[in-house]
N, C-alpha and C. Protein backbone atom coordinates (compact mmCIF):
# COMPACT_ATOMS: atom_id res chain seq x y z
N MET A 1 79.36 -28.10 141.02
CA MET A 1 79.59 -28.76 139.75
C MET A 1 78.55 -28.37 138.72
N VAL A 2 77.29 -28.31 139.12
CA VAL A 2 76.22 -27.95 138.21
C VAL A 2 76.35 -26.50 137.78
N THR A 3 76.71 -25.63 138.70
CA THR A 3 76.85 -24.21 138.34
C THR A 3 78.00 -24.00 137.37
N SER A 4 79.04 -24.75 137.49
CA SER A 4 80.17 -24.65 136.56
C SER A 4 79.73 -25.07 135.16
N ASP A 5 78.96 -26.15 135.07
CA ASP A 5 78.46 -26.59 133.77
C ASP A 5 77.52 -25.56 133.16
N ASN A 6 76.68 -24.98 134.00
CA ASN A 6 75.76 -23.95 133.52
C ASN A 6 76.52 -22.71 133.06
N GLU A 7 77.55 -22.34 133.80
CA GLU A 7 78.36 -21.17 133.40
C GLU A 7 79.06 -21.43 132.08
N ASN A 8 79.60 -22.64 131.91
CA ASN A 8 80.25 -22.99 130.65
C ASN A 8 79.24 -22.97 129.50
N LEU A 9 78.06 -23.51 129.76
CA LEU A 9 77.03 -23.53 128.74
C LEU A 9 76.63 -22.11 128.35
N LEU A 10 76.42 -21.25 129.33
CA LEU A 10 76.07 -19.86 129.05
C LEU A 10 77.18 -19.13 128.30
N ALA A 11 78.42 -19.42 128.64
CA ALA A 11 79.55 -18.78 127.95
C ALA A 11 79.59 -19.22 126.49
N ARG A 12 79.35 -20.51 126.24
CA ARG A 12 79.34 -21.00 124.86
C ARG A 12 78.18 -20.41 124.07
N ILE A 13 77.01 -20.34 124.71
CA ILE A 13 75.84 -19.75 124.05
C ILE A 13 76.10 -18.29 123.73
N ASP A 14 76.70 -17.56 124.67
CA ASP A 14 77.01 -16.15 124.44
C ASP A 14 78.01 -15.99 123.30
N GLU A 15 79.00 -16.86 123.25
CA GLU A 15 80.01 -16.80 122.19
C GLU A 15 79.37 -17.08 120.83
N ARG A 16 78.51 -18.06 120.79
CA ARG A 16 77.84 -18.39 119.52
C ARG A 16 76.90 -17.26 119.09
N THR A 17 76.22 -16.65 120.04
CA THR A 17 75.33 -15.55 119.73
C THR A 17 76.12 -14.37 119.16
N GLN A 18 77.25 -14.07 119.74
CA GLN A 18 78.08 -12.98 119.22
C GLN A 18 78.58 -13.31 117.82
N ALA A 19 78.95 -14.57 117.58
CA ALA A 19 79.40 -14.96 116.24
C ALA A 19 78.26 -14.81 115.23
N MET A 20 77.04 -15.18 115.63
CA MET A 20 75.91 -15.02 114.73
C MET A 20 75.63 -13.55 114.44
N GLU A 21 75.76 -12.71 115.43
CA GLU A 21 75.57 -11.27 115.23
C GLU A 21 76.59 -10.72 114.25
N ARG A 22 77.83 -11.16 114.37
CA ARG A 22 78.87 -10.71 113.44
C ARG A 22 78.54 -11.19 112.02
N ASN A 23 78.11 -12.44 111.89
CA ASN A 23 77.78 -12.97 110.56
C ASN A 23 76.60 -12.22 109.94
N ILE A 24 75.58 -11.96 110.74
CA ILE A 24 74.43 -11.24 110.23
C ILE A 24 74.82 -9.82 109.82
N SER A 25 75.65 -9.19 110.60
CA SER A 25 76.13 -7.85 110.26
C SER A 25 76.91 -7.87 108.95
N GLN A 26 77.72 -8.88 108.77
CA GLN A 26 78.51 -9.01 107.53
C GLN A 26 77.59 -9.24 106.33
N ILE A 27 76.57 -10.07 106.50
CA ILE A 27 75.63 -10.33 105.42
C ILE A 27 74.87 -9.06 105.05
N GLN A 28 74.45 -8.30 106.04
CA GLN A 28 73.74 -7.05 105.77
C GLN A 28 74.63 -6.06 105.02
N ASP A 29 75.89 -5.99 105.38
CA ASP A 29 76.81 -5.10 104.67
C ASP A 29 76.97 -5.54 103.22
N GLU A 30 77.08 -6.84 102.98
CA GLU A 30 77.21 -7.35 101.62
C GLU A 30 75.95 -7.07 100.81
N LEU A 31 74.79 -7.22 101.43
CA LEU A 31 73.54 -6.94 100.73
C LEU A 31 73.46 -5.47 100.33
N LYS A 32 73.85 -4.59 101.20
CA LYS A 32 73.81 -3.16 100.89
C LYS A 32 74.80 -2.80 99.80
N ARG A 33 75.96 -3.45 99.79
CA ARG A 33 77.02 -3.10 98.87
C ARG A 33 76.88 -3.77 97.51
N ASP A 34 76.49 -5.04 97.48
CA ASP A 34 76.60 -5.82 96.25
C ASP A 34 75.30 -6.06 95.49
N TYR A 35 74.16 -5.90 96.12
CA TYR A 35 72.91 -6.25 95.46
C TYR A 35 72.14 -5.01 95.04
N VAL A 36 71.35 -5.19 93.99
CA VAL A 36 70.59 -4.10 93.40
C VAL A 36 69.16 -4.17 93.92
N THR A 37 68.60 -3.01 94.24
CA THR A 37 67.23 -2.99 94.70
C THR A 37 66.27 -3.10 93.51
N HIS A 38 65.02 -3.39 93.82
CA HIS A 38 64.02 -3.52 92.77
C HIS A 38 63.84 -2.21 92.01
N ALA A 39 63.85 -1.11 92.71
CA ALA A 39 63.67 0.20 92.07
C ALA A 39 64.83 0.52 91.13
N GLU A 40 66.03 0.12 91.48
CA GLU A 40 67.19 0.37 90.62
C GLU A 40 67.19 -0.54 89.39
N PHE A 41 66.64 -1.75 89.53
CA PHE A 41 66.67 -2.73 88.46
C PHE A 41 65.54 -2.52 87.46
N ASN A 42 64.46 -1.90 87.85
CA ASN A 42 63.28 -1.79 87.01
C ASN A 42 63.56 -1.12 85.66
N PRO A 43 64.28 0.00 85.55
CA PRO A 43 64.54 0.59 84.23
C PRO A 43 65.37 -0.34 83.32
N ILE A 44 66.33 -1.03 83.90
CA ILE A 44 67.14 -1.97 83.11
C ILE A 44 66.26 -3.10 82.58
N ARG A 45 65.37 -3.60 83.43
CA ARG A 45 64.49 -4.68 83.03
C ARG A 45 63.59 -4.23 81.88
N MET A 46 63.07 -3.01 81.96
CA MET A 46 62.19 -2.51 80.91
C MET A 46 62.94 -2.41 79.57
N ILE A 47 64.16 -1.94 79.60
CA ILE A 47 64.95 -1.80 78.37
C ILE A 47 65.23 -3.17 77.77
N VAL A 48 65.67 -4.11 78.59
CA VAL A 48 66.02 -5.44 78.09
C VAL A 48 64.78 -6.16 77.57
N TYR A 49 63.68 -6.10 78.31
CA TYR A 49 62.45 -6.73 77.84
C TYR A 49 61.98 -6.11 76.54
N GLY A 50 62.12 -4.80 76.39
CA GLY A 50 61.74 -4.14 75.16
C GLY A 50 62.58 -4.60 73.98
N MET A 51 63.89 -4.73 74.20
CA MET A 51 64.77 -5.18 73.13
C MET A 51 64.45 -6.63 72.73
N VAL A 52 64.18 -7.47 73.70
CA VAL A 52 63.83 -8.85 73.41
C VAL A 52 62.50 -8.92 72.66
N ALA A 53 61.54 -8.09 73.04
CA ALA A 53 60.25 -8.08 72.36
C ALA A 53 60.40 -7.65 70.90
N VAL A 54 61.20 -6.61 70.66
CA VAL A 54 61.40 -6.15 69.28
C VAL A 54 62.08 -7.23 68.46
N THR A 55 63.06 -7.91 69.03
CA THR A 55 63.76 -8.97 68.31
C THR A 55 62.80 -10.12 68.00
N MET A 56 62.00 -10.51 68.96
CA MET A 56 61.07 -11.61 68.72
C MET A 56 60.01 -11.24 67.67
N VAL A 57 59.52 -10.02 67.71
CA VAL A 57 58.53 -9.59 66.72
C VAL A 57 59.14 -9.59 65.33
N SER A 58 60.38 -9.14 65.21
CA SER A 58 61.01 -9.11 63.88
C SER A 58 61.27 -10.52 63.36
N VAL A 59 61.68 -11.43 64.22
CA VAL A 59 61.90 -12.82 63.79
C VAL A 59 60.58 -13.46 63.38
N LEU A 60 59.55 -13.28 64.20
CA LEU A 60 58.25 -13.86 63.85
C LEU A 60 57.68 -13.21 62.60
N GLY A 61 57.89 -11.92 62.42
CA GLY A 61 57.44 -11.25 61.20
C GLY A 61 58.15 -11.79 59.97
N GLY A 62 59.45 -12.04 60.08
CA GLY A 62 60.20 -12.61 58.97
C GLY A 62 59.72 -14.01 58.63
N LEU A 63 59.48 -14.81 59.64
CA LEU A 63 58.96 -16.16 59.40
C LEU A 63 57.58 -16.12 58.77
N LEU A 64 56.74 -15.24 59.25
CA LEU A 64 55.40 -15.09 58.69
C LEU A 64 55.47 -14.64 57.24
N TYR A 65 56.39 -13.74 56.95
CA TYR A 65 56.58 -13.29 55.57
C TYR A 65 56.99 -14.46 54.67
N LEU A 66 57.91 -15.30 55.14
CA LEU A 66 58.34 -16.45 54.33
C LEU A 66 57.21 -17.44 54.09
N VAL A 67 56.31 -17.58 55.03
CA VAL A 67 55.22 -18.54 54.90
C VAL A 67 54.12 -17.97 54.00
N VAL A 68 53.81 -16.69 54.12
CA VAL A 68 52.66 -16.11 53.45
C VAL A 68 52.97 -15.65 52.03
N ARG A 69 54.17 -15.28 51.75
CA ARG A 69 54.47 -14.71 50.43
C ARG A 69 54.15 -15.71 49.32
N GLN A 70 53.79 -15.18 48.19
CA GLN A 70 53.43 -16.03 47.07
C GLN A 70 54.69 -16.46 46.34
N PRO A 71 54.71 -17.69 45.88
CA PRO A 71 55.92 -18.15 45.16
C PRO A 71 56.01 -17.42 43.82
N PRO A 72 57.21 -17.28 43.31
CA PRO A 72 57.36 -16.57 42.03
C PRO A 72 56.70 -17.35 40.89
N THR A 73 56.10 -16.64 39.98
CA THR A 73 55.44 -17.28 38.83
C THR A 73 56.46 -17.46 37.72
N PRO A 74 56.45 -18.59 37.06
CA PRO A 74 57.45 -18.83 35.98
C PRO A 74 57.15 -18.14 34.70
């Protein structure tokens, strides 16, 4: 009776282990196919950060110009 329970337990553990291996394999395939590596993303990040920096500098420059400029004389 005890050996039968142990065999059932081992069979269930083996089945769960195989299912986990399949899931891990599937996750690894998705990672390789769908996600971008750091090296691939770095040029895109540099371009986007540069564009955001230029936009922010121009907005701040415009605001500074509005604050500093002298009002028109009548």
